[in-house]
Amino acid sequence: MGKADGSYLKEIARIEKHDLLILDDFGLQPFDNLNRSALMEIVEDRHSKRSTIITSQWPVSDWHDIIGEQTVADAILDRIVHSAHRMELTGPSLREQLSGKQTHLIELR
């Protein structure tokens, strides 16, 4: 419906104009055709022009399967991964550490 009334293109254009786009928790759910297409449009228009930060609990090696449709996934990942500055964190997560402390505090009451 958004494509028919023009709101989809306006929203994509609005997203593409930001100097920094942050995609948090990338890959929590596999992409459907609509979301895969939107991601491709955004990545294509931002490629080498604007910054994008992507956080994910999944290793980059799993992103292909999460995006789905091999040809589109290849195109998206080619634009994202090959020019990226990657930081892979290891060790316990801060959430685990904080949840342990919160549980401990609750037990002391």
N, C-alpha and C. Protein backbone atom coordinates (compact mmCIF):
# COMPACT_ATOMS: atom_id res chain seq x y z
N MET A 1 0.82 -1.18 0.00
CA MET A 1 0.00 0.00 0.00
C MET A 1 0.87 1.26 0.00
N GLY A 2 2.00 1.17 0.77
CA GLY A 2 2.89 2.32 0.85
C GLY A 2 3.49 2.68 -0.49
N LYS A 3 3.73 1.68 -1.33
CA LYS A 3 4.27 1.97 -2.65
C LYS A 3 3.22 2.64 -3.52
N ALA A 4 1.96 2.24 -3.36
CA ALA A 4 0.88 2.80 -4.18
C ALA A 4 0.63 4.26 -3.85
N ASP A 5 0.68 4.62 -2.57
CA ASP A 5 0.37 6.01 -2.20
C ASP A 5 1.61 6.90 -2.11
N GLY A 6 2.79 6.34 -2.36
CA GLY A 6 4.02 7.13 -2.37
C GLY A 6 4.69 7.27 -1.02
N SER A 7 4.06 6.80 0.05
CA SER A 7 4.65 6.96 1.38
C SER A 7 5.90 6.09 1.56
N TYR A 8 5.94 4.94 0.89
CA TYR A 8 7.10 4.05 0.97
C TYR A 8 8.34 4.75 0.43
N LEU A 9 8.24 5.34 -0.73
CA LEU A 9 9.39 6.02 -1.33
C LEU A 9 9.83 7.22 -0.50
N LYS A 10 8.87 7.93 0.09
CA LYS A 10 9.21 9.06 0.96
C LYS A 10 9.97 8.59 2.19
N GLU A 11 9.53 7.49 2.77
CA GLU A 11 10.20 6.96 3.95
C GLU A 11 11.61 6.46 3.61
N ILE A 12 11.76 5.77 2.51
CA ILE A 12 13.08 5.31 2.07
C ILE A 12 14.00 6.50 1.83
N ALA A 13 13.50 7.53 1.19
CA ALA A 13 14.30 8.73 0.92
C ALA A 13 14.69 9.41 2.23
N ARG A 14 13.80 9.43 3.19
CA ARG A 14 14.10 10.05 4.48
C ARG A 14 15.21 9.28 5.19
N ILE A 15 15.14 7.97 5.17
CA ILE A 15 16.17 7.13 5.80
C ILE A 15 17.51 7.33 5.11
N GLU A 16 17.50 7.38 3.80
CA GLU A 16 18.74 7.48 3.04
C GLU A 16 19.46 8.80 3.25
N LYS A 17 18.76 9.85 3.65
CA LYS A 17 19.36 11.18 3.81
C LYS A 17 20.17 11.33 5.09
N HIS A 18 19.93 10.49 6.08
CA HIS A 18 20.64 10.62 7.35
C HIS A 18 22.11 10.28 7.17
N ASP A 19 22.97 11.06 7.83
CA ASP A 19 24.41 10.80 7.74
C ASP A 19 24.79 9.47 8.37
N LEU A 20 24.03 9.06 9.38
CA LEU A 20 24.32 7.79 10.06
C LEU A 20 23.02 7.03 10.26
N LEU A 21 23.03 5.78 9.84
CA LEU A 21 21.91 4.87 10.04
C LEU A 21 22.40 3.73 10.93
N ILE A 22 21.67 3.45 12.00
CA ILE A 22 22.04 2.36 12.90
C ILE A 22 20.96 1.29 12.81
N LEU A 23 21.39 0.09 12.43
CA LEU A 23 20.50 -1.07 12.40
C LEU A 23 20.88 -1.95 13.58
N ASP A 24 20.08 -1.91 14.62
CA ASP A 24 20.39 -2.63 15.85
C ASP A 24 19.70 -3.98 15.86
N ASP A 25 20.38 -4.99 16.39
CA ASP A 25 19.86 -6.37 16.46
C ASP A 25 19.50 -6.92 15.08
N PHE A 26 20.35 -6.67 14.12
CA PHE A 26 20.15 -7.16 12.76
C PHE A 26 20.00 -8.67 12.77
N GLY A 27 18.99 -9.16 12.09
CA GLY A 27 18.83 -10.59 11.90
C GLY A 27 18.04 -11.32 12.97
N LEU A 28 17.31 -10.58 13.79
CA LEU A 28 16.50 -11.27 14.78
C LEU A 28 15.45 -12.16 14.14
N GLN A 29 14.99 -11.75 12.96
CA GLN A 29 14.04 -12.55 12.19
C GLN A 29 14.51 -12.58 10.75
N PRO A 30 14.28 -13.69 10.06
CA PRO A 30 14.64 -13.73 8.63
C PRO A 30 13.86 -12.66 7.85
N PHE A 31 14.45 -12.19 6.78
CA PHE A 31 13.82 -11.16 5.96
C PHE A 31 12.78 -11.77 5.03
N ASP A 32 11.66 -11.07 4.87
CA ASP A 32 10.70 -11.45 3.85
C ASP A 32 11.03 -10.64 2.59
N ASN A 33 10.31 -10.86 1.50
CA ASN A 33 10.62 -10.18 0.23
C ASN A 33 10.57 -8.66 0.35
N LEU A 34 9.57 -8.14 1.05
CA LEU A 34 9.42 -6.69 1.18
C LEU A 34 10.59 -6.08 1.95
N ASN A 35 10.94 -6.67 3.08
CA ASN A 35 12.03 -6.14 3.90
C ASN A 35 13.39 -6.31 3.22
N ARG A 36 13.56 -7.41 2.52
CA ARG A 36 14.81 -7.64 1.78
C ARG A 36 14.96 -6.58 0.68
N SER A 37 13.88 -6.29 0.00
CA SER A 37 13.89 -5.28 -1.06
C SER A 37 14.18 -3.89 -0.49
N ALA A 38 13.55 -3.56 0.63
CA ALA A 38 13.78 -2.26 1.26
C ALA A 38 15.23 -2.13 1.72
N LEU A 39 15.77 -3.19 2.32
CA LEU A 39 17.17 -3.15 2.74
C LEU A 39 18.09 -2.96 1.55
N MET A 40 17.81 -3.63 0.47
CA MET A 40 18.63 -3.49 -0.74
C MET A 40 18.61 -2.05 -1.24
N GLU A 41 17.43 -1.45 -1.27
CA GLU A 41 17.33 -0.05 -1.73
C GLU A 41 18.12 0.89 -0.83
N ILE A 42 17.98 0.70 0.46
CA ILE A 42 18.67 1.57 1.41
C ILE A 42 20.18 1.40 1.31
N VAL A 43 20.63 0.16 1.30
CA VAL A 43 22.08 -0.11 1.22
C VAL A 43 22.65 0.38 -0.09
N GLU A 44 21.93 0.16 -1.18
CA GLU A 44 22.40 0.60 -2.50
C GLU A 44 22.57 2.12 -2.55
N ASP A 45 21.59 2.85 -2.03
CA ASP A 45 21.66 4.31 -2.09
C ASP A 45 22.67 4.90 -1.11
N ARG A 46 22.93 4.22 0.01
CA ARG A 46 23.87 4.73 1.01
C ARG A 46 25.32 4.31 0.72
N HIS A 47 25.50 3.28 -0.08
CA HIS A 47 26.83 2.70 -0.31
C HIS A 47 27.84 3.75 -0.75
N SER A 48 28.93 3.84 0.02
CA SER A 48 30.05 4.77 -0.24
C SER A 48 29.65 6.24 -0.14
N LYS A 49 28.47 6.52 0.40
CA LYS A 49 28.02 7.92 0.54
C LYS A 49 27.78 8.29 1.99
N ARG A 50 27.21 7.39 2.76
CA ARG A 50 26.84 7.67 4.14
C ARG A 50 27.21 6.48 5.03
N SER A 51 27.28 6.72 6.32
CA SER A 51 27.69 5.69 7.27
C SER A 51 26.51 4.87 7.78
N THR A 52 26.78 3.60 8.01
CA THR A 52 25.78 2.69 8.57
C THR A 52 26.47 1.82 9.61
N ILE A 53 25.86 1.72 10.77
CA ILE A 53 26.35 0.83 11.83
C ILE A 53 25.33 -0.29 11.97
N ILE A 54 25.83 -1.51 11.96
CA ILE A 54 24.94 -2.67 12.11
C ILE A 54 25.42 -3.47 13.31
N THR A 55 24.51 -3.73 14.25
CA THR A 55 24.83 -4.60 15.36
C THR A 55 24.00 -5.87 15.22
N SER A 56 24.60 -6.98 15.60
CA SER A 56 23.91 -8.25 15.48
C SER A 56 24.46 -9.24 16.48
N GLN A 57 23.62 -10.13 16.92
CA GLN A 57 24.07 -11.23 17.77
C GLN A 57 24.57 -12.39 16.92
N TRP A 58 24.37 -12.30 15.62
CA TRP A 58 24.76 -13.37 14.69
C TRP A 58 26.08 -13.01 14.02
N PRO A 59 26.93 -13.99 13.81
CA PRO A 59 28.16 -13.72 13.05
C PRO A 59 27.82 -13.36 11.60
N VAL A 60 28.67 -12.58 11.00
CA VAL A 60 28.45 -12.13 9.62
C VAL A 60 28.28 -13.34 8.69
N SER A 61 28.93 -14.43 9.01
CA SER A 61 28.82 -15.63 8.16
C SER A 61 27.38 -16.17 8.10
N ASP A 62 26.53 -15.82 9.06
CA ASP A 62 25.13 -16.26 9.06
C ASP A 62 24.19 -15.27 8.38
N TRP A 63 24.66 -14.07 8.07
CA TRP A 63 23.79 -13.03 7.53
C TRP A 63 23.19 -13.42 6.18
N HIS A 64 23.93 -14.16 5.39
CA HIS A 64 23.44 -14.57 4.07
C HIS A 64 22.13 -15.34 4.21
N ASP A 65 22.11 -16.29 5.14
CA ASP A 65 20.89 -17.09 5.35
C ASP A 65 19.76 -16.25 5.94
N ILE A 66 20.10 -15.30 6.80
CA ILE A 66 19.08 -14.44 7.41
C ILE A 66 18.42 -13.56 6.36
N ILE A 67 19.21 -13.01 5.46
CA ILE A 67 18.66 -12.15 4.41
C ILE A 67 17.85 -12.97 3.42
N GLY A 68 18.34 -14.16 3.07
CA GLY A 68 17.63 -15.03 2.14
C GLY A 68 17.83 -14.60 0.69
N GLU A 69 17.23 -15.35 -0.23
CA GLU A 69 17.34 -15.10 -1.67
C GLU A 69 18.78 -14.76 -2.06
N GLN A 70 19.51 -15.76 -2.45
CA GLN A 70 20.95 -15.71 -2.64
C GLN A 70 21.46 -14.51 -3.43
N THR A 71 20.86 -14.21 -4.54
CA THR A 71 21.36 -13.12 -5.39
C THR A 71 21.25 -11.77 -4.69
N VAL A 72 20.11 -11.53 -4.05
CA VAL A 72 19.91 -10.26 -3.34
C VAL A 72 20.82 -10.21 -2.12
N ALA A 73 20.93 -11.31 -1.39
CA ALA A 73 21.81 -11.35 -0.23
C ALA A 73 23.26 -11.08 -0.63
N ASP A 74 23.70 -11.65 -1.74
CA ASP A 74 25.05 -11.39 -2.24
C ASP A 74 25.26 -9.90 -2.51
N ALA A 75 24.28 -9.28 -3.16
CA ALA A 75 24.40 -7.85 -3.49
C ALA A 75 24.43 -6.99 -2.23
N ILE A 76 23.56 -7.29 -1.27
CA ILE A 76 23.52 -6.52 -0.02
C ILE A 76 24.83 -6.69 0.75
N LEU A 77 25.24 -7.93 0.93
CA LEU A 77 26.45 -8.18 1.71
C LEU A 77 27.70 -7.66 1.03
N ASP A 78 27.72 -7.67 -0.29
CA ASP A 78 28.85 -7.11 -1.02
C ASP A 78 29.02 -5.63 -0.68
N ARG A 79 27.92 -4.92 -0.58
CA ARG A 79 27.97 -3.49 -0.28
C ARG A 79 28.24 -3.23 1.20
N ILE A 80 27.78 -4.11 2.07
CA ILE A 80 27.96 -3.90 3.50
C ILE A 80 29.32 -4.40 3.98
N VAL A 81 29.65 -5.62 3.71
CA VAL A 81 30.77 -6.30 4.36
C VAL A 81 32.12 -5.89 3.79
N HIS A 82 32.24 -5.76 2.49
CA HIS A 82 33.56 -5.59 1.89
C HIS A 82 34.19 -4.23 2.15
N SER A 83 33.41 -3.24 2.49
CA SER A 83 33.99 -1.93 2.81
C SER A 83 33.80 -1.57 4.27
N ALA A 84 33.48 -2.57 5.09
CA ALA A 84 33.16 -2.33 6.50
C ALA A 84 34.40 -2.35 7.39
N HIS A 85 34.29 -1.66 8.49
CA HIS A 85 35.23 -1.77 9.60
C HIS A 85 34.52 -2.65 10.61
N ARG A 86 35.00 -3.88 10.77
CA ARG A 86 34.30 -4.84 11.62
C ARG A 86 34.93 -4.92 13.00
N MET A 87 34.05 -5.01 13.99
CA MET A 87 34.46 -5.23 15.37
C MET A 87 33.66 -6.41 15.88
N GLU A 88 34.34 -7.49 16.17
CA GLU A 88 33.66 -8.66 16.71
C GLU A 88 34.03 -8.77 18.18
N LEU A 89 33.03 -8.74 19.03
CA LEU A 89 33.24 -8.79 20.47
C LEU A 89 33.18 -10.23 20.95
N THR A 90 34.01 -10.54 21.92
CA THR A 90 34.01 -11.86 22.52
C THR A 90 33.86 -11.71 24.03
N GLY A 91 33.56 -12.80 24.69
CA GLY A 91 33.40 -12.77 26.13
C GLY A 91 31.95 -12.64 26.52
N PRO A 92 31.70 -12.58 27.84
CA PRO A 92 30.31 -12.48 28.30
C PRO A 92 29.70 -11.14 27.92
N SER A 93 28.41 -11.14 27.67
CA SER A 93 27.75 -9.90 27.29
C SER A 93 27.48 -9.05 28.53
N LEU A 94 27.39 -7.77 28.33
CA LEU A 94 27.07 -6.85 29.41
C LEU A 94 25.68 -7.16 29.97
N ARG A 95 24.77 -7.55 29.10
CA ARG A 95 23.42 -7.90 29.56
C ARG A 95 23.46 -9.05 30.55
N GLU A 96 24.29 -10.07 30.26
CA GLU A 96 24.42 -11.21 31.17
C GLU A 96 24.99 -10.76 32.50
N GLN A 97 26.00 -9.91 32.46
CA GLN A 97 26.61 -9.43 33.69
C GLN A 97 25.62 -8.60 34.50
N LEU A 98 24.89 -7.72 33.84
CA LEU A 98 23.93 -6.87 34.54
C LEU A 98 22.75 -7.68 35.07
N SER A 99 22.30 -8.65 34.31
CA SER A 99 21.17 -9.46 34.77
C SER A 99 21.58 -10.28 35.98
N GLY A 100 22.82 -10.73 36.02
CA GLY A 100 23.33 -11.46 37.18
C GLY A 100 23.37 -10.58 38.41
N LYS A 101 23.78 -9.33 38.24
CA LYS A 101 23.82 -8.40 39.37
C LYS A 101 22.42 -8.07 39.84
N GLN A 102 21.49 -7.88 38.91
CA GLN A 102 20.12 -7.56 39.29
C GLN A 102 19.50 -8.74 40.04
N THR A 103 19.75 -9.94 39.59
CA THR A 103 19.23 -11.12 40.27
C THR A 103 19.81 -11.19 41.68
N HIS A 104 21.09 -10.91 41.80
CA HIS A 104 21.75 -10.95 43.10
C HIS A 104 21.13 -9.92 44.03
N LEU A 105 20.87 -8.72 43.53
CA LEU A 105 20.26 -7.69 44.35
C LEU A 105 18.86 -8.10 44.81
N ILE A 106 18.13 -8.71 43.97
CA ILE A 106 16.78 -9.16 44.32
C ILE A 106 16.85 -10.21 45.41
N GLU A 107 17.84 -11.10 45.33
CA GLU A 107 17.95 -12.16 46.32
C GLU A 107 18.32 -11.62 47.70
N LEU A 108 19.00 -10.48 47.74
CA LEU A 108 19.40 -9.91 49.03
C LEU A 108 18.24 -9.28 49.79
N ARG A 109 17.18 -8.96 49.14
CA ARG A 109 16.06 -8.27 49.79
C ARG A 109 15.38 -9.14 50.73
